[in-house]
Amino acid sequence: FNKQYLFIKTRNKNVSIKQLLIDNKIVAGIGNIYSNESLFIAGINPE
């Protein structure tokens, strides 16, 4: 789970980054609480 993997997975995804992070088919088990917290720490708007 590195920058190359996630960069490729986001290229053709016309969904919010928050929605992508809670998709278990993309990345397993992050869930709602931790996606919110991670996006805040990264300074990225979830929408």
All heavy atoms as atom14 arrays in JSON, in Angstrom:
{
  "sequence": "FNKQYLFIKTRNKNVSIKQLLIDNKIVAGIGNIYSNESLFIAGINPE",
  "atom14_mask": [
    [1, 1, 1, 1, 1, 1, 1, 1, 1, 1, 1, 0, 0, 0],
    [1, 1, 1, 1, 1, 1, 1, 1, 0, 0, 0, 0, 0, 0],
    [1, 1, 1, 1, 1, 1, 1, 1, 1, 0, 0, 0, 0, 0],
    [1, 1, 1, 1, 1, 1, 1, 1, 1, 0, 0, 0, 0, 0],
    [1, 1, 1, 1, 1, 1, 1, 1, 1, 1, 1, 1, 0, 0],
    [1, 1, 1, 1, 1, 1, 1, 1, 0, 0, 0, 0, 0, 0],
    [1, 1, 1, 1, 1, 1, 1, 1, 1, 1, 1, 0, 0, 0],
    [1, 1, 1, 1, 1, 1, 1, 1, 0, 0, 0, 0, 0, 0],
    [1, 1, 1, 1, 1, 1, 1, 1, 1, 0, 0, 0, 0, 0],
    [1, 1, 1, 1, 1, 1, 1, 0, 0, 0, 0, 0, 0, 0],
    [1, 1, 1, 1, 1, 1, 1, 1, 1, 1, 1, 0, 0, 0],
    [1, 1, 1, 1, 1, 1, 1, 1, 0, 0, 0, 0, 0, 0],
    [1, 1, 1, 1, 1, 1, 1, 1, 1, 0, 0, 0, 0, 0],
    [1, 1, 1, 1, 1, 1, 1, 1, 0, 0, 0, 0, 0, 0],
    [1, 1, 1, 1, 1, 1, 1, 0, 0, 0, 0, 0, 0, 0],
    [1, 1, 1, 1, 1, 1, 0, 0, 0, 0, 0, 0, 0, 0],
    [1, 1, 1, 1, 1, 1, 1, 1, 0, 0, 0, 0, 0, 0],
    [1, 1, 1, 1, 1, 1, 1, 1, 1, 0, 0, 0, 0, 0],
    [1, 1, 1, 1, 1, 1, 1, 1, 1, 0, 0, 0, 0, 0],
    [1, 1, 1, 1, 1, 1, 1, 1, 0, 0, 0, 0, 0, 0],
    [1, 1, 1, 1, 1, 1, 1, 1, 0, 0, 0, 0, 0, 0],
    [1, 1, 1, 1, 1, 1, 1, 1, 0, 0, 0, 0, 0, 0],
    [1, 1, 1, 1, 1, 1, 1, 1, 0, 0, 0, 0, 0, 0],
    [1, 1, 1, 1, 1, 1, 1, 1, 0, 0, 0, 0, 0, 0],
    [1, 1, 1, 1, 1, 1, 1, 1, 1, 0, 0, 0, 0, 0],
    [1, 1, 1, 1, 1, 1, 1, 1, 0, 0, 0, 0, 0, 0],
    [1, 1, 1, 1, 1, 1, 1, 0, 0, 0, 0, 0, 0, 0],
    [1, 1, 1, 1, 1, 0, 0, 0, 0, 0, 0, 0, 0, 0],
    [1, 1, 1, 1, 0, 0, 0, 0, 0, 0, 0, 0, 0, 0],
    [1, 1, 1, 1, 1, 1, 1, 1, 0, 0, 0, 0, 0, 0],
    [1, 1, 1, 1, 0, 0, 0, 0, 0, 0, 0, 0, 0, 0],
    [1, 1, 1, 1, 1, 1, 1, 1, 0, 0, 0, 0, 0, 0],
    [1, 1, 1, 1, 1, 1, 1, 1, 0, 0, 0, 0, 0, 0],
    [1, 1, 1, 1, 1, 1, 1, 1, 1, 1, 1, 1, 0, 0],
    [1, 1, 1, 1, 1, 1, 0, 0, 0, 0, 0, 0, 0, 0],
    [1, 1, 1, 1, 1, 1, 1, 1, 0, 0, 0, 0, 0, 0],
    [1, 1, 1, 1, 1, 1, 1, 1, 1, 0, 0, 0, 0, 0],
    [1, 1, 1, 1, 1, 1, 0, 0, 0, 0, 0, 0, 0, 0],
    [1, 1, 1, 1, 1, 1, 1, 1, 0, 0, 0, 0, 0, 0],
    [1, 1, 1, 1, 1, 1, 1, 1, 1, 1, 1, 0, 0, 0],
    [1, 1, 1, 1, 1, 1, 1, 1, 0, 0, 0, 0, 0, 0],
    [1, 1, 1, 1, 1, 0, 0, 0, 0, 0, 0, 0, 0, 0],
    [1, 1, 1, 1, 0, 0, 0, 0, 0, 0, 0, 0, 0, 0],
    [1, 1, 1, 1, 1, 1, 1, 1, 0, 0, 0, 0, 0, 0],
    [1, 1, 1, 1, 1, 1, 1, 1, 0, 0, 0, 0, 0, 0],
    [1, 1, 1, 1, 1, 1, 1, 0, 0, 0, 0, 0, 0, 0],
    [1, 1, 1, 1, 1, 1, 1, 1, 1, 0, 0, 0, 0, 0]
  ],
  "atom14_positions": [
    [[0.87, -1.18, 0.0], [0.0, 0.0, 0.0], [0.91, 1.22, 0.0], [1.31, 1.73, 1.04], [-0.92, -0.01, 1.21], [-1.92, 1.12, 1.21], [-2.85, 1.26, 0.2], [-1.93, 2.06, 2.25], [-3.78, 2.3, 0.2], [-2.86, 3.09, 2.26], [-3.77, 3.22, 1.23], [0.0, 0.0, 0.0], [0.0, 0.0, 0.0], [0.0, 0.0, 0.0]],
    [[1.24, 1.68, -1.18], [2.19, 2.77, -1.35], [1.66, 3.8, -2.33], [0.55, 3.66, -2.86], [3.55, 2.22, -1.81], [3.43, 1.34, -3.05], [2.68, 1.66, -3.97], [4.16, 0.23, -3.06], [0.0, 0.0, 0.0], [0.0, 0.0, 0.0], [0.0, 0.0, 0.0], [0.0, 0.0, 0.0], [0.0, 0.0, 0.0], [0.0, 0.0, 0.0]],
    [[2.44, 4.85, -2.56], [1.96, 5.96, -3.39], [1.68, 5.51, -4.83], [0.73, 6.01, -5.46], [2.94, 7.12, -3.36], [4.31, 6.82, -3.94], [5.23, 8.02, -3.83], [6.61, 7.71, -4.42], [7.52, 8.88, -4.31], [0.0, 0.0, 0.0], [0.0, 0.0, 0.0], [0.0, 0.0, 0.0], [0.0, 0.0, 0.0], [0.0, 0.0, 0.0]],
    [[2.48, 4.58, -5.34], [2.25, 4.11, -6.71], [0.91, 3.37, -6.82], [0.14, 3.6, -7.76], [3.39, 3.19, -7.17], [4.71, 3.88, -7.41], [5.52, 4.1, -6.13], [5.15, 3.59, -5.07], [6.61, 4.84, -6.24], [0.0, 0.0, 0.0], [0.0, 0.0, 0.0], [0.0, 0.0, 0.0], [0.0, 0.0, 0.0], [0.0, 0.0, 0.0]],
    [[0.64, 2.51, -5.84], [-0.61, 1.75, -5.86], [-1.82, 2.68, -5.8], [-2.74, 2.58, -6.62], [-0.64, 0.78, -4.67], [-1.99, 0.09, -4.5], [-2.31, -1.04, -5.25], [-2.94, 0.57, -3.6], [-3.54, -1.66, -5.12], [-4.17, -0.05, -3.45], [-4.47, -1.15, -4.21], [-5.7, -1.76, -4.07], [0.0, 0.0, 0.0], [0.0, 0.0, 0.0]],
    [[-1.83, 3.59, -4.81], [-3.0, 4.45, -4.64], [-3.14, 5.46, -5.77], [-4.25, 5.79, -6.18], [-2.94, 5.17, -3.29], [-4.23, 5.86, -2.85], [-5.4, 4.88, -2.79], [-4.06, 6.55, -1.49], [0.0, 0.0, 0.0], [0.0, 0.0, 0.0], [0.0, 0.0, 0.0], [0.0, 0.0, 0.0], [0.0, 0.0, 0.0], [0.0, 0.0, 0.0]],
    [[-2.02, 5.93, -6.3], [-2.08, 6.87, -7.42], [-2.76, 6.22, -8.62], [-3.65, 6.81, -9.25], [-0.66, 7.33, -7.8], [-0.65, 8.4, -8.85], [-0.98, 9.71, -8.53], [-0.29, 8.11, -10.16], [-0.97, 10.72, -9.49], [-0.28, 9.11, -11.14], [-0.61, 10.41, -10.8], [0.0, 0.0, 0.0], [0.0, 0.0, 0.0], [0.0, 0.0, 0.0]],
    [[-2.38, 4.98, -8.9], [-3.01, 4.26, -10.03], [-4.5, 4.04, -9.77], [-5.33, 4.23, -10.66], [-2.29, 2.92, -10.27], [-0.88, 3.15, -10.81], [-3.09, 2.03, -11.23], [0.0, 1.93, -10.85], [0.0, 0.0, 0.0], [0.0, 0.0, 0.0], [0.0, 0.0, 0.0], [0.0, 0.0, 0.0], [0.0, 0.0, 0.0], [0.0, 0.0, 0.0]],
    [[-4.84, 3.67, -8.55], [-6.23, 3.39, -8.22], [-7.12, 4.63, -8.28], [-8.33, 4.53, -8.49], [-6.33, 2.76, -6.83], [-5.82, 1.33, -6.73], [-6.65, 0.39, -7.58], [-6.19, -1.05, -7.45], [-6.99, -1.97, -8.29], [0.0, 0.0, 0.0], [0.0, 0.0, 0.0], [0.0, 0.0, 0.0], [0.0, 0.0, 0.0], [0.0, 0.0, 0.0]],
    [[-6.53, 5.8, -8.1], [-7.34, 7.03, -8.1], [-7.51, 7.64, -9.5], [-8.37, 8.5, -9.69], [-6.7, 8.1, -7.19], [-5.35, 8.35, -7.63], [-6.7, 7.66, -5.75], [0.0, 0.0, 0.0], [0.0, 0.0, 0.0], [0.0, 0.0, 0.0], [0.0, 0.0, 0.0], [0.0, 0.0, 0.0], [0.0, 0.0, 0.0], [0.0, 0.0, 0.0]],
    [[-6.73, 7.2, -10.46], [-6.72, 7.91, -11.76], [-8.07, 7.87, -12.47], [-8.5, 8.87, -13.06], [-5.64, 7.33, -12.67], [-4.22, 7.61, -12.25], [-3.96, 9.08, -11.9], [-4.31, 9.41, -10.5], [-4.35, 10.62, -10.01], [-4.11, 11.66, -10.79], [-4.66, 10.84, -8.75], [0.0, 0.0, 0.0], [0.0, 0.0, 0.0], [0.0, 0.0, 0.0]],
    [[-8.73, 6.75, -12.46], [-9.99, 6.63, -13.19], [-11.2, 6.61, -12.27], [-12.27, 6.12, -12.64], [-9.98, 5.36, -14.04], [-8.9, 5.39, -15.11], [-8.7, 6.42, -15.74], [-8.21, 4.28, -15.29], [0.0, 0.0, 0.0], [0.0, 0.0, 0.0], [0.0, 0.0, 0.0], [0.0, 0.0, 0.0], [0.0, 0.0, 0.0], [0.0, 0.0, 0.0]],
    [[-11.04, 7.13, -11.05], [-12.12, 7.11, -10.07], [-12.73, 8.51, -9.92], [-12.15, 9.4, -9.31], [-11.58, 6.63, -8.72], [-11.13, 5.18, -8.7], [-12.34, 4.24, -8.81], [-11.89, 2.8, -8.72], [-13.02, 1.86, -8.83], [0.0, 0.0, 0.0], [0.0, 0.0, 0.0], [0.0, 0.0, 0.0], [0.0, 0.0, 0.0], [0.0, 0.0, 0.0]],
    [[-13.91, 8.67, -10.52], [-14.61, 9.95, -10.41], [-15.52, 9.92, -9.18], [-16.74, 10.15, -9.26], [-15.42, 10.21, -11.67], [-15.96, 11.63, -11.7], [-15.4, 12.53, -11.07], [-17.05, 11.82, -12.43], [0.0, 0.0, 0.0], [0.0, 0.0, 0.0], [0.0, 0.0, 0.0], [0.0, 0.0, 0.0], [0.0, 0.0, 0.0], [0.0, 0.0, 0.0]],
    [[-14.93, 9.59, -8.03], [-15.64, 9.6, -6.75], [-14.8, 10.39, -5.76], [-13.63, 10.69, -6.01], [-15.85, 8.16, -6.2], [-16.71, 7.35, -7.15], [-14.52, 7.47, -5.96], [0.0, 0.0, 0.0], [0.0, 0.0, 0.0], [0.0, 0.0, 0.0], [0.0, 0.0, 0.0], [0.0, 0.0, 0.0], [0.0, 0.0, 0.0], [0.0, 0.0, 0.0]],
    [[-15.38, 10.73, -4.63], [-14.62, 11.48, -3.64], [-13.52, 10.6, -3.05], [-13.64, 9.38, -3.02], [-15.54, 11.97, -2.52], [-15.97, 10.87, -1.72], [0.0, 0.0, 0.0], [0.0, 0.0, 0.0], [0.0, 0.0, 0.0], [0.0, 0.0, 0.0], [0.0, 0.0, 0.0], [0.0, 0.0, 0.0], [0.0, 0.0, 0.0], [0.0, 0.0, 0.0]],
    [[-12.46, 11.23, -2.6], [-11.36, 10.48, -2.0], [-11.83, 9.77, -0.74], [-11.38, 8.65, -0.44], [-10.14, 11.4, -1.72], [-8.96, 10.58, -1.2], [-10.5, 12.53, -0.77], [-8.47, 9.5, -2.14], [0.0, 0.0, 0.0], [0.0, 0.0, 0.0], [0.0, 0.0, 0.0], [0.0, 0.0, 0.0], [0.0, 0.0, 0.0], [0.0, 0.0, 0.0]],
    [[-12.76, 10.36, -0.01], [-13.31, 9.69, 1.18], [-14.02, 8.4, 0.78], [-13.84, 7.35, 1.42], [-14.28, 10.64, 1.9], [-15.23, 10.01, 2.91], [-14.55, 9.57, 4.18], [-15.53, 8.9, 5.13], [-16.68, 9.72, 5.49], [0.0, 0.0, 0.0], [0.0, 0.0, 0.0], [0.0, 0.0, 0.0], [0.0, 0.0, 0.0], [0.0, 0.0, 0.0]],
    [[-14.84, 8.45, -0.26], [-15.55, 7.26, -0.72], [-14.58, 6.17, -1.16], [-14.79, 4.99, -0.89], [-16.49, 7.61, -1.88], [-17.35, 6.44, -2.35], [-18.34, 6.83, -3.43], [-18.63, 8.01, -3.62], [-18.85, 5.85, -4.15], [0.0, 0.0, 0.0], [0.0, 0.0, 0.0], [0.0, 0.0, 0.0], [0.0, 0.0, 0.0], [0.0, 0.0, 0.0]],
    [[-13.51, 6.55, -1.8], [-12.53, 5.57, -2.26], [-11.85, 4.89, -1.07], [-11.64, 3.68, -1.08], [-11.5, 6.24, -3.16], [-10.46, 5.31, -3.78], [-10.19, 5.68, -5.23], [-9.14, 5.35, -3.0], [0.0, 0.0, 0.0], [0.0, 0.0, 0.0], [0.0, 0.0, 0.0], [0.0, 0.0, 0.0], [0.0, 0.0, 0.0], [0.0, 0.0, 0.0]],
    [[-11.53, 5.65, -0.04], [-10.81, 5.09, 1.11], [-11.62, 4.09, 1.9], [-11.07, 3.2, 2.56], [-10.32, 6.21, 2.03], [-9.22, 7.11, 1.5], [-8.82, 8.14, 2.55], [-8.0, 6.31, 1.06], [0.0, 0.0, 0.0], [0.0, 0.0, 0.0], [0.0, 0.0, 0.0], [0.0, 0.0, 0.0], [0.0, 0.0, 0.0], [0.0, 0.0, 0.0]],
    [[-12.95, 4.22, 1.88], [-13.77, 3.28, 2.64], [-14.27, 2.13, 1.77], [-15.06, 1.3, 2.21], [-14.96, 3.97, 3.33], [-15.91, 4.62, 2.33], [-14.48, 4.99, 4.35], [-17.17, 5.22, 2.96], [0.0, 0.0, 0.0], [0.0, 0.0, 0.0], [0.0, 0.0, 0.0], [0.0, 0.0, 0.0], [0.0, 0.0, 0.0], [0.0, 0.0, 0.0]],
    [[-13.76, 2.05, 0.54], [-14.1, 0.95, -0.36], [-13.14, -0.21, -0.08], [-11.96, -0.15, -0.41], [-13.97, 1.41, -1.81], [-14.39, 0.33, -2.8], [-14.58, -0.84, -2.39], [-14.52, 0.66, -4.0], [0.0, 0.0, 0.0], [0.0, 0.0, 0.0], [0.0, 0.0, 0.0], [0.0, 0.0, 0.0], [0.0, 0.0, 0.0], [0.0, 0.0, 0.0]],
    [[-13.64, -1.28, 0.54], [-12.79, -2.42, 0.91], [-12.21, -3.16, -0.28], [-11.3, -3.97, -0.12], [-13.57, -3.39, 1.79], [-13.58, -2.96, 3.24], [-12.54, -2.73, 3.83], [-14.76, -2.82, 3.81], [0.0, 0.0, 0.0], [0.0, 0.0, 0.0], [0.0, 0.0, 0.0], [0.0, 0.0, 0.0], [0.0, 0.0, 0.0], [0.0, 0.0, 0.0]],
    [[-12.74, -2.9, -1.48], [-12.18, -3.53, -2.66], [-10.9, -2.83, -3.11], [-10.1, -3.4, -3.85], [-13.2, -3.54, -3.8], [-14.43, -4.38, -3.52], [-15.43, -4.29, -4.65], [-16.7, -5.09, -4.34], [-17.72, -4.96, -5.41], [0.0, 0.0, 0.0], [0.0, 0.0, 0.0], [0.0, 0.0, 0.0], [0.0, 0.0, 0.0], [0.0, 0.0, 0.0]],
    [[-10.71, -1.61, -2.65], [-9.5, -0.83, -2.97], [-8.46, -1.01, -1.89], [-7.31, -1.35, -2.13], [-9.83, 0.66, -3.15], [-10.89, 0.86, -4.24], [-8.56, 1.45, -3.45], [-10.44, 0.51, -5.63], [0.0, 0.0, 0.0], [0.0, 0.0, 0.0], [0.0, 0.0, 0.0], [0.0, 0.0, 0.0], [0.0, 0.0, 0.0], [0.0, 0.0, 0.0]],
    [[-8.88, -0.76, -0.65], [-7.99, -0.89, 0.51], [-8.81, -1.41, 1.68], [-9.95, -0.99, 1.88], [-7.3, 0.45, 0.83], [-8.3, 1.56, 1.04], [-6.37, 0.31, 2.01], [0.0, 0.0, 0.0], [0.0, 0.0, 0.0], [0.0, 0.0, 0.0], [0.0, 0.0, 0.0], [0.0, 0.0, 0.0], [0.0, 0.0, 0.0], [0.0, 0.0, 0.0]],
    [[-8.26, -2.32, 2.43], [-9.05, -3.1, 3.4], [-9.06, -2.48, 4.79], [-8.01, -2.22, 5.37], [-8.49, -4.52, 3.49], [0.0, 0.0, 0.0], [0.0, 0.0, 0.0], [0.0, 0.0, 0.0], [0.0, 0.0, 0.0], [0.0, 0.0, 0.0], [0.0, 0.0, 0.0], [0.0, 0.0, 0.0], [0.0, 0.0, 0.0], [0.0, 0.0, 0.0]],
    [[-10.28, -2.24, 5.29], [-10.45, -2.04, 6.72], [-10.19, -0.67, 7.29], [-10.17, -0.5, 8.51], [0.0, 0.0, 0.0], [0.0, 0.0, 0.0], [0.0, 0.0, 0.0], [0.0, 0.0, 0.0], [0.0, 0.0, 0.0], [0.0, 0.0, 0.0], [0.0, 0.0, 0.0], [0.0, 0.0, 0.0], [0.0, 0.0, 0.0], [0.0, 0.0, 0.0]],
    [[-9.97, 0.37, 6.45], [-9.71, 1.69, 7.01], [-10.94, 2.21, 7.75], [-10.86, 2.71, 8.87], [-9.29, 2.69, 5.91], [-7.95, 2.29, 5.34], [-9.23, 4.11, 6.47], [-7.47, 3.19, 4.21], [0.0, 0.0, 0.0], [0.0, 0.0, 0.0], [0.0, 0.0, 0.0], [0.0, 0.0, 0.0], [0.0, 0.0, 0.0], [0.0, 0.0, 0.0]],
    [[-12.09, 2.1, 7.1], [-13.33, 2.47, 7.76], [-13.56, 3.97, 7.84], [-12.71, 4.78, 7.44], [0.0, 0.0, 0.0], [0.0, 0.0, 0.0], [0.0, 0.0, 0.0], [0.0, 0.0, 0.0], [0.0, 0.0, 0.0], [0.0, 0.0, 0.0], [0.0, 0.0, 0.0], [0.0, 0.0, 0.0], [0.0, 0.0, 0.0], [0.0, 0.0, 0.0]],
    [[-14.68, 4.34, 8.4], [-15.12, 5.74, 8.38], [-14.32, 6.63, 9.32], [-13.86, 7.71, 8.95], [-16.6, 5.81, 8.73], [-17.19, 7.17, 8.45], [-16.95, 7.75, 7.4], [-17.95, 7.7, 9.38], [0.0, 0.0, 0.0], [0.0, 0.0, 0.0], [0.0, 0.0, 0.0], [0.0, 0.0, 0.0], [0.0, 0.0, 0.0], [0.0, 0.0, 0.0]],
    [[-14.16, 6.2, 10.55], [-13.44, 7.03, 11.53], [-12.04, 7.34, 11.04], [-11.6, 8.5, 11.03], [-13.37, 6.32, 12.9], [-14.77, 6.19, 13.51], [-12.45, 7.09, 13.85], [-14.8, 5.36, 14.78], [0.0, 0.0, 0.0], [0.0, 0.0, 0.0], [0.0, 0.0, 0.0], [0.0, 0.0, 0.0], [0.0, 0.0, 0.0], [0.0, 0.0, 0.0]],
    [[-11.33, 6.32, 10.61], [-9.91, 6.48, 10.29], [-9.68, 7.15, 8.94], [-8.63, 7.77, 8.74], [-9.21, 5.13, 10.4], [-9.41, 4.52, 11.77], [-10.2, 3.38, 11.95], [-8.91, 5.13, 12.9], [-10.43, 2.85, 13.21], [-9.14, 4.62, 14.18], [-9.9, 3.48, 14.32], [-10.14, 2.98, 15.58], [0.0, 0.0, 0.0], [0.0, 0.0, 0.0]],
    [[-10.64, 7.06, 8.05], [-10.52, 7.82, 6.8], [-10.68, 9.31, 7.09], [-9.94, 10.14, 6.54], [-11.55, 7.35, 5.77], [-12.86, 7.52, 6.25], [0.0, 0.0, 0.0], [0.0, 0.0, 0.0], [0.0, 0.0, 0.0], [0.0, 0.0, 0.0], [0.0, 0.0, 0.0], [0.0, 0.0, 0.0], [0.0, 0.0, 0.0], [0.0, 0.0, 0.0]],
    [[-11.63, 9.67, 7.96], [-11.79, 11.07, 8.36], [-10.52, 11.61, 8.99], [-10.04, 12.71, 8.65], [-12.94, 11.2, 9.36], [-14.3, 11.33, 8.71], [-14.67, 12.37, 8.19], [-15.07, 10.25, 8.73], [0.0, 0.0, 0.0], [0.0, 0.0, 0.0], [0.0, 0.0, 0.0], [0.0, 0.0, 0.0], [0.0, 0.0, 0.0], [0.0, 0.0, 0.0]],
    [[-9.97, 10.85, 9.93], [-8.78, 11.3, 10.65], [-7.57, 11.41, 9.71], [-6.8, 12.38, 9.79], [-8.47, 10.34, 11.8], [-9.5, 10.35, 12.91], [-9.51, 11.68, 13.66], [-8.48, 12.08, 14.21], [-10.59, 12.33, 13.67], [0.0, 0.0, 0.0], [0.0, 0.0, 0.0], [0.0, 0.0, 0.0], [0.0, 0.0, 0.0], [0.0, 0.0, 0.0]],
    [[-7.42, 10.45, 8.82], [-6.28, 10.44, 7.91], [-6.33, 11.62, 6.94], [-5.31, 12.26, 6.67], [-6.23, 9.13, 7.12], [-6.1, 8.03, 8.0], [0.0, 0.0, 0.0], [0.0, 0.0, 0.0], [0.0, 0.0, 0.0], [0.0, 0.0, 0.0], [0.0, 0.0, 0.0], [0.0, 0.0, 0.0], [0.0, 0.0, 0.0], [0.0, 0.0, 0.0]],
    [[-7.51, 11.91, 6.42], [-7.65, 13.03, 5.49], [-7.39, 14.36, 6.19], [-6.82, 15.28, 5.61], [-9.04, 13.01, 4.86], [-9.27, 11.9, 3.83], [-10.75, 11.68, 3.56], [-8.53, 12.23, 2.53], [0.0, 0.0, 0.0], [0.0, 0.0, 0.0], [0.0, 0.0, 0.0], [0.0, 0.0, 0.0], [0.0, 0.0, 0.0], [0.0, 0.0, 0.0]],
    [[-7.79, 14.47, 7.46], [-7.52, 15.69, 8.22], [-6.02, 15.88, 8.41], [-5.48, 16.97, 8.19], [-8.22, 15.63, 9.58], [-7.97, 16.84, 10.43], [-8.62, 18.04, 10.18], [-7.08, 16.78, 11.5], [-8.38, 19.16, 10.96], [-6.83, 17.88, 12.29], [-7.49, 19.09, 12.03], [0.0, 0.0, 0.0], [0.0, 0.0, 0.0], [0.0, 0.0, 0.0]],
    [[-5.33, 14.82, 8.82], [-3.88, 14.91, 9.03], [-3.17, 15.25, 7.72], [-2.2, 16.03, 7.71], [-3.34, 13.58, 9.6], [-3.87, 13.37, 11.02], [-1.82, 13.56, 9.6], [-3.57, 12.0, 11.59], [0.0, 0.0, 0.0], [0.0, 0.0, 0.0], [0.0, 0.0, 0.0], [0.0, 0.0, 0.0], [0.0, 0.0, 0.0], [0.0, 0.0, 0.0]],
    [[-3.65, 14.71, 6.62], [-3.04, 14.97, 5.31], [-3.43, 16.33, 4.74], [-2.83, 16.78, 3.75], [-3.42, 13.86, 4.33], [0.0, 0.0, 0.0], [0.0, 0.0, 0.0], [0.0, 0.0, 0.0], [0.0, 0.0, 0.0], [0.0, 0.0, 0.0], [0.0, 0.0, 0.0], [0.0, 0.0, 0.0], [0.0, 0.0, 0.0], [0.0, 0.0, 0.0]],
    [[-4.42, 17.0, 5.33], [-4.86, 18.31, 4.85], [-5.65, 18.25, 3.56], [-5.67, 19.2, 2.77], [0.0, 0.0, 0.0], [0.0, 0.0, 0.0], [0.0, 0.0, 0.0], [0.0, 0.0, 0.0], [0.0, 0.0, 0.0], [0.0, 0.0, 0.0], [0.0, 0.0, 0.0], [0.0, 0.0, 0.0], [0.0, 0.0, 0.0], [0.0, 0.0, 0.0]],
    [[-6.32, 17.12, 3.33], [-7.08, 16.9, 2.08], [-8.57, 16.91, 2.37], [-9.05, 16.2, 3.26], [-6.67, 15.56, 1.44], [-5.19, 15.59, 1.05], [-7.55, 15.25, 0.22], [-4.64, 14.22, 0.64], [0.0, 0.0, 0.0], [0.0, 0.0, 0.0], [0.0, 0.0, 0.0], [0.0, 0.0, 0.0], [0.0, 0.0, 0.0], [0.0, 0.0, 0.0]],
    [[-9.3, 17.71, 1.62], [-10.75, 17.78, 1.78], [-11.38, 16.45, 1.35], [-11.11, 15.97, 0.25], [-11.32, 18.92, 0.94], [-12.78, 19.2, 1.26], [-13.64, 18.33, 1.13], [-13.08, 20.42, 1.68], [0.0, 0.0, 0.0], [0.0, 0.0, 0.0], [0.0, 0.0, 0.0], [0.0, 0.0, 0.0], [0.0, 0.0, 0.0], [0.0, 0.0, 0.0]],
    [[-12.21, 15.85, 2.2], [-12.79, 14.53, 1.88], [-13.71, 14.54, 0.67], [-13.97, 13.47, 0.08], [-13.56, 14.15, 3.15], [-13.79, 15.44, 3.86], [-12.61, 16.31, 3.54], [0.0, 0.0, 0.0], [0.0, 0.0, 0.0], [0.0, 0.0, 0.0], [0.0, 0.0, 0.0], [0.0, 0.0, 0.0], [0.0, 0.0, 0.0], [0.0, 0.0, 0.0]],
    [[-14.21, 15.71, 0.27], [-15.11, 15.79, -0.88], [-14.38, 15.92, -2.21], [-15.01, 15.84, -3.26], [-16.06, 16.97, -0.71], [-17.03, 16.8, 0.46], [-18.1, 17.86, 0.47], [-17.74, 19.05, 0.59], [-19.29, 17.51, 0.33], [0.0, 0.0, 0.0], [0.0, 0.0, 0.0], [0.0, 0.0, 0.0], [0.0, 0.0, 0.0], [0.0, 0.0, 0.0]]
  ]
}
